[in-house]
Amino acid sequence: MIVTFKPGEDEHALTLEECNELLELERQSKTLGTFPLSTAKVKRPSMSGFEHITERLYQAAEAANDEYWNLDVSDVRGVGINVYTRDGFIPKHFDMFNTWGLDMTDKVSAVAMLTDPSEYGGGELVFPDVAGARLTAHKAQGTVIVFPAFIVHEVTRVTRGKRVIANVALHGEPWR
C-alpha cells in the first residue's frame, strides 16, 4: 500500500512555502554523488533552521506506518534531497538498504514532491507490480508519498526541466 498526502487535503502534505524553502536549500547545497546506475544527484544538506519541515516529514511517515503497517521503527534517517535534471532517473529498486551503507535498517520511506510538475516532464515515481500493473504517484507540489521500504519503485527519465524531491526514512533493527 502506498499512502499519499495531498496538498490542501491532508495535514501531512507540505505547503508551497515549505517546498520553496527546501528548493532554496537545494540550490545552496553541494552534491554528494549520484545513485548507482543513475544520474540523479544526491544532497544531504544541514537542516538547521528547517526543523519544522523535517518534523512534518517524519510525522507523515510515522502516521502512515502507525495506521497501515506497524513496522518496527525506532529512529529517523535525516532529510535528503534528490535532483533530477534532463535524462535523470532511478531504475527499479527498493530502499531497505540506506543510501550510504548496506545495513538493511530502513523500514518506511517518505518522498515529498518539491517542484511544480509544470516545470518538468517525465520524472514520475512509479511502483510497478509483479502482475504488470503500475501505480504512478501523485506529482502535485507538496505531495508526500509514504511506503514501506521493501516496495519496488523507480523514477522515470526526466524529459525536460528539473525535478527535486526531499526524502526521509524511518529505520529500526535490521530486517530478519
C-alpha atoms as a PDB file:
ATOM      1  CA  MET A   1       0.000   0.000   0.000  1.00  0.00           C
ATOM      2  CA  ILE A   2       1.178   3.487  -0.901  1.00  0.00           C
ATOM      3  CA  VAL A   3      -0.079   6.410   1.223  1.00  0.00           C
ATOM      4  CA  THR A   4      -0.467   9.802  -0.436  1.00  0.00           C
ATOM      5  CA  PHE A   5      -0.862  13.044   1.495  1.00  0.00           C
ATOM      6  CA  LYS A   6      -2.118  15.699  -0.933  1.00  0.00           C
ATOM      7  CA  PRO A   7      -1.757  19.470  -0.544  1.00  0.00           C
ATOM      8  CA  GLY A   8      -4.967  21.174   0.506  1.00  0.00           C
ATOM      9  CA  GLU A   9      -6.420  17.850   1.631  1.00  0.00           C
ATOM     10  CA  ASP A  10      -4.042  16.378   4.207  1.00  0.00           C
ATOM     11  CA  GLU A  11      -2.198  17.909   7.139  1.00  0.00           C
ATOM     12  CA  HIS A  12       0.938  15.893   6.316  1.00  0.00           C
ATOM     13  CA  ALA A  13       1.392  17.428   2.851  1.00  0.00           C
ATOM     14  CA  LEU A  14       3.882  20.277   2.560  1.00  0.00           C
ATOM     15  CA  THR A  15       2.826  23.835   1.888  1.00  0.00           C
ATOM     16  CA  LEU A  16       4.041  25.819  -1.108  1.00  0.00           C
ATOM     17  CA  GLU A  17       6.142  27.916   1.279  1.00  0.00           C
ATOM     18  CA  GLU A  18       7.805  24.804   2.733  1.00  0.00           C
ATOM     19  CA  CYS A  19       8.532  23.474  -0.765  1.00  0.00           C
ATOM     20  CA  ASN A  20      10.096  26.788  -1.749  1.00  0.00           C
ATOM     21  CA  GLU A  21      12.232  26.800   1.414  1.00  0.00           C
ATOM     22  CA  LEU A  22      13.613  23.360   0.557  1.00  0.00           C
ATOM     23  CA  LEU A  23      14.128  24.288  -3.106  1.00  0.00           C
ATOM     24  CA  GLU A  24      16.233  27.255  -1.998  1.00  0.00           C
ATOM     25  CA  LEU A  25      18.185  24.986   0.357  1.00  0.00           C
ATOM     26  CA  GLU A  26      18.777  22.594  -2.546  1.00  0.00           C
ATOM     27  CA  ARG A  27      20.192  25.410  -4.692  1.00  0.00           C
ATOM     28  CA  GLN A  28      22.687  26.236  -1.930  1.00  0.00           C
ATOM     29  CA  SER A  29      23.719  22.638  -1.183  1.00  0.00           C
ATOM     30  CA  LYS A  30      26.584  20.601  -2.569  1.00  0.00           C
ATOM     31  CA  THR A  31      26.050  17.371  -4.468  1.00  0.00           C
ATOM     32  CA  LEU A  32      27.482  14.359  -2.647  1.00  0.00           C
ATOM     33  CA  GLY A  33      27.191  11.954  -5.561  1.00  0.00           C
ATOM     34  CA  THR A  34      24.705  10.061  -7.673  1.00  0.00           C
ATOM     35  CA  PHE A  35      22.736   6.885  -7.188  1.00  0.00           C
ATOM     36  CA  PRO A  36      24.154   3.705  -8.736  1.00  0.00           C
ATOM     37  CA  LEU A  37      23.063   3.261 -12.381  1.00  0.00           C
ATOM     38  CA  SER A  38      21.541   6.736 -12.304  1.00  0.00           C
ATOM     39  CA  THR A  39      22.304  10.395 -12.862  1.00  0.00           C
ATOM     40  CA  ALA A  40      20.082  11.628 -10.014  1.00  0.00           C
ATOM     41  CA  LYS A  41      22.128  13.882  -7.742  1.00  0.00           C
ATOM     42  CA  VAL A  42      22.077  13.227  -4.015  1.00  0.00           C
ATOM     43  CA  LYS A  43      22.324  16.044  -1.469  1.00  0.00           C
ATOM     44  CA  ARG A  44      22.254  15.833   2.332  1.00  0.00           C
ATOM     45  CA  PRO A  45      22.078  19.469   3.426  1.00  0.00           C
ATOM     46  CA  SER A  46      22.154  20.650   7.002  1.00  0.00           C
ATOM     47  CA  MET A  47      18.535  21.028   8.062  1.00  0.00           C
ATOM     48  CA  SER A  48      19.358  23.583  10.745  1.00  0.00           C
ATOM     49  CA  GLY A  49      16.618  26.188  10.570  1.00  0.00           C
ATOM     50  CA  PHE A  50      14.326  23.796   8.717  1.00  0.00           C
ATOM     51  CA  GLU A  51      13.366  21.590  11.664  1.00  0.00           C
ATOM     52  CA  HIS A  52       9.684  22.493  11.201  1.00  0.00           C
ATOM     53  CA  ILE A  53       9.736  20.837   7.769  1.00  0.00           C
ATOM     54  CA  THR A  54      11.834  17.897   8.911  1.00  0.00           C
ATOM     55  CA  GLU A  55       9.380  17.204  11.712  1.00  0.00           C
ATOM     56  CA  ARG A  56       6.414  17.320   9.331  1.00  0.00           C
ATOM     57  CA  LEU A  57       8.037  14.750   7.021  1.00  0.00           C
ATOM     58  CA  TYR A  58       8.814  12.470   9.961  1.00  0.00           C
ATOM     59  CA  GLN A  59       5.230  12.816  11.203  1.00  0.00           C
ATOM     60  CA  ALA A  60       3.856  11.872   7.781  1.00  0.00           C
ATOM     61  CA  ALA A  61       5.992   8.717   7.706  1.00  0.00           C
ATOM     62  CA  GLU A  62       5.063   7.836  11.288  1.00  0.00           C
ATOM     63  CA  ALA A  63       1.341   8.438  10.718  1.00  0.00           C
ATOM     64  CA  ALA A  64       1.270   6.137   7.685  1.00  0.00           C
ATOM     65  CA  ASN A  65       3.296   3.459   9.475  1.00  0.00           C
ATOM     66  CA  ASP A  66       1.096   3.618  12.571  1.00  0.00           C
ATOM     67  CA  GLU A  67      -2.104   3.339  10.548  1.00  0.00           C
ATOM     68  CA  TYR A  68      -1.152   0.787   7.896  1.00  0.00           C
ATOM     69  CA  TRP A  69       1.985  -1.275   8.549  1.00  0.00           C
ATOM     70  CA  ASN A  70       3.136  -1.004  12.173  1.00  0.00           C
ATOM     71  CA  LEU A  71       6.706  -1.803  11.163  1.00  0.00           C
ATOM     72  CA  ASP A  72       9.286  -1.866  13.951  1.00  0.00           C
ATOM     73  CA  VAL A  73      10.922   1.570  13.729  1.00  0.00           C
ATOM     74  CA  SER A  74      12.978   3.340  16.337  1.00  0.00           C
ATOM     75  CA  ASP A  75      14.598   6.319  14.649  1.00  0.00           C
ATOM     76  CA  VAL A  76      14.614   8.525  11.571  1.00  0.00           C
ATOM     77  CA  ARG A  77      17.239   8.984   8.885  1.00  0.00           C
ATOM     78  CA  GLY A  78      17.803  12.641   8.044  1.00  0.00           C
ATOM     79  CA  VAL A  79      16.312  14.503   5.126  1.00  0.00           C
ATOM     80  CA  GLY A  80      17.918  14.015   1.756  1.00  0.00           C
ATOM     81  CA  ILE A  81      17.277  15.963  -1.403  1.00  0.00           C
ATOM     82  CA  ASN A  82      17.431  14.316  -4.819  1.00  0.00           C
ATOM     83  CA  VAL A  83      17.761  16.337  -8.010  1.00  0.00           C
ATOM     84  CA  TYR A  84      16.823  15.017 -11.438  1.00  0.00           C
ATOM     85  CA  THR A  85      17.735  17.070 -14.494  1.00  0.00           C
ATOM     86  CA  ARG A  86      17.062  16.145 -18.125  1.00  0.00           C
ATOM     87  CA  ASP A  87      17.600  12.393 -18.621  1.00  0.00           C
ATOM     88  CA  GLY A  88      17.816  11.873 -14.840  1.00  0.00           C
ATOM     89  CA  PHE A  89      16.125   8.757 -13.491  1.00  0.00           C
ATOM     90  CA  ILE A  90      16.489   5.976 -10.934  1.00  0.00           C
ATOM     91  CA  PRO A  91      15.952   2.371 -12.057  1.00  0.00           C
ATOM     92  CA  LYS A  92      13.769  -0.102 -10.178  1.00  0.00           C
ATOM     93  CA  HIS A  93      14.975  -0.534  -6.614  1.00  0.00           C
ATOM     94  CA  PHE A  94      13.839  -0.718  -3.022  1.00  0.00           C
ATOM     95  CA  ASP A  95      15.000   1.345  -0.049  1.00  0.00           C
ATOM     96  CA  MET A  96      15.767  -1.305   2.568  1.00  0.00           C
ATOM     97  CA  PHE A  97      19.465  -0.541   2.239  1.00  0.00           C
ATOM     98  CA  ASN A  98      20.151   3.039   3.171  1.00  0.00           C
ATOM     99  CA  THR A  99      21.907   5.173   0.582  1.00  0.00           C
ATOM    100  CA  TRP A 100      25.182   5.353   2.500  1.00  0.00           C
ATOM    101  CA  GLY A 101      25.579   1.744   3.571  1.00  0.00           C
ATOM    102  CA  LEU A 102      24.088  -1.707   3.278  1.00  0.00           C
ATOM    103  CA  ASP A 103      22.734  -2.012   6.790  1.00  0.00           C
ATOM    104  CA  MET A 104      19.164  -3.113   5.930  1.00  0.00           C
ATOM    105  CA  THR A 105      17.573  -0.914   8.587  1.00  0.00           C
ATOM    106  CA  ASP A 106      15.305   1.346   6.511  1.00  0.00           C
ATOM    107  CA  LYS A 107      11.647   0.365   7.008  1.00  0.00           C
ATOM    108  CA  VAL A 108       9.468   3.267   5.815  1.00  0.00           C
ATOM    109  CA  SER A 109      10.254   5.783   3.061  1.00  0.00           C
ATOM    110  CA  ALA A 110       8.640   9.189   2.582  1.00  0.00           C
ATOM    111  CA  VAL A 111       9.081  11.337  -0.530  1.00  0.00           C
ATOM    112  CA  ALA A 112       7.969  14.975  -0.782  1.00  0.00           C
ATOM    113  CA  MET A 113       7.422  16.453  -4.232  1.00  0.00           C
ATOM    114  CA  LEU A 114       9.085  19.889  -4.126  1.00  0.00           C
ATOM    115  CA  THR A 115       8.929  21.004  -7.765  1.00  0.00           C
ATOM    116  CA  ASP A 116       5.786  22.209  -9.513  1.00  0.00           C
ATOM    117  CA  PRO A 117       5.083  19.441 -12.062  1.00  0.00           C
ATOM    118  CA  SER A 118       4.606  22.040 -14.824  1.00  0.00           C
ATOM    119  CA  GLU A 119       8.355  22.767 -14.531  1.00  0.00           C
ATOM    120  CA  TYR A 120       9.464  19.311 -15.674  1.00  0.00           C
ATOM    121  CA  GLY A 121       8.386  16.416 -17.868  1.00  0.00           C
ATOM    122  CA  GLY A 122       8.633  12.722 -17.037  1.00  0.00           C
ATOM    123  CA  GLY A 123      10.225  12.044 -13.682  1.00  0.00           C
ATOM    124  CA  GLU A 124       7.310  10.023 -12.396  1.00  0.00           C
ATOM    125  CA  LEU A 125       7.571   7.991  -9.205  1.00  0.00           C
ATOM    126  CA  VAL A 126       6.257   4.610 -10.304  1.00  0.00           C
ATOM    127  CA  PHE A 127       5.506   1.486  -8.313  1.00  0.00           C
ATOM    128  CA  PRO A 128       5.487  -1.472 -10.736  1.00  0.00           C
ATOM    129  CA  ASP A 129       3.551  -4.533  -9.645  1.00  0.00           C
ATOM    130  CA  VAL A 130       4.704  -8.099 -10.177  1.00  0.00           C
ATOM    131  CA  ALA A 131       1.490  -8.755 -12.126  1.00  0.00           C
ATOM    132  CA  GLY A 132       2.344  -5.958 -14.580  1.00  0.00           C
ATOM    133  CA  ALA A 133       0.165  -3.177 -13.127  1.00  0.00           C
ATOM    134  CA  ARG A 134       1.782   0.165 -12.364  1.00  0.00           C
ATOM    135  CA  LEU A 135       0.873   2.803  -9.826  1.00  0.00           C
ATOM    136  CA  THR A 136       2.099   6.298 -10.635  1.00  0.00           C
ATOM    137  CA  ALA A 137       2.405   8.614  -7.651  1.00  0.00           C
ATOM    138  CA  HIS A 138       0.644  11.962  -7.440  1.00  0.00           C
ATOM    139  CA  LYS A 139       3.013  14.728  -8.655  1.00  0.00           C
ATOM    140  CA  ALA A 140       1.450  17.903  -7.239  1.00  0.00           C
ATOM    141  CA  GLN A 141       3.915  20.160  -5.463  1.00  0.00           C
ATOM    142  CA  GLY A 142       3.781  19.475  -1.728  1.00  0.00           C
ATOM    143  CA  THR A 143       2.505  15.902  -2.048  1.00  0.00           C
ATOM    144  CA  VAL A 144       4.098  13.462   0.387  1.00  0.00           C
ATOM    145  CA  ILE A 145       4.141   9.787  -0.614  1.00  0.00           C
ATOM    146  CA  VAL A 146       4.867   7.186   2.075  1.00  0.00           C
ATOM    147  CA  PHE A 147       5.519   3.494   1.508  1.00  0.00           C
ATOM    148  CA  PRO A 148       7.281   0.516   3.087  1.00  0.00           C
ATOM    149  CA  ALA A 149      10.962   0.484   2.119  1.00  0.00           C
ATOM    150  CA  PHE A 150      10.643  -3.036   0.651  1.00  0.00           C
ATOM    151  CA  ILE A 151       8.296  -1.926  -2.155  1.00  0.00           C
ATOM    152  CA  VAL A 152       9.997  -1.770  -5.543  1.00  0.00           C
ATOM    153  CA  HIS A 153       9.794   1.632  -7.219  1.00  0.00           C
ATOM    154  CA  GLU A 154      11.536   3.720  -9.853  1.00  0.00           C
ATOM    155  CA  VAL A 155      11.695   7.264 -11.154  1.00  0.00           C
ATOM    156  CA  THR A 156      11.168   7.531 -14.907  1.00  0.00           C
ATOM    157  CA  ARG A 157      13.511   9.579 -17.056  1.00  0.00           C
ATOM    158  CA  VAL A 158      13.047  13.359 -16.846  1.00  0.00           C
ATOM    159  CA  THR A 159      12.387  14.663 -20.360  1.00  0.00           C
ATOM    160  CA  ARG A 160      12.603  18.398 -19.622  1.00  0.00           C
ATOM    161  CA  GLY A 161      13.288  20.727 -16.715  1.00  0.00           C
ATOM    162  CA  LYS A 162      14.360  19.787 -13.213  1.00  0.00           C
ATOM    163  CA  ARG A 163      12.573  17.601 -10.634  1.00  0.00           C
ATOM    164  CA  VAL A 164      13.522  17.956  -6.964  1.00  0.00           C
ATOM    165  CA  ILE A 165      12.275  15.819  -4.091  1.00  0.00           C
ATOM    166  CA  ALA A 166      13.011  15.524  -0.385  1.00  0.00           C
ATOM    167  CA  ASN A 167      13.066  12.146   1.315  1.00  0.00           C
ATOM    168  CA  VAL A 168      13.290  10.662   4.782  1.00  0.00           C
ATOM    169  CA  ALA A 169      13.345   7.128   6.125  1.00  0.00           C
ATOM    170  CA  LEU A 170      12.199   5.568   9.348  1.00  0.00           C
ATOM    171  CA  HIS A 171      14.520   2.791  10.404  1.00  0.00           C
ATOM    172  CA  GLY A 172      14.988   0.253  13.146  1.00  0.00           C
ATOM    173  CA  GLU A 173      16.549  -3.115  13.788  1.00  0.00           C
ATOM    174  CA  PRO A 174      17.771  -4.856  10.613  1.00  0.00           C
ATOM    175  CA  TRP A 175      15.211  -6.851   8.654  1.00  0.00           C
ATOM    176  CA  ARG A 176      15.293 -10.546   9.506  1.00  0.00           C
END
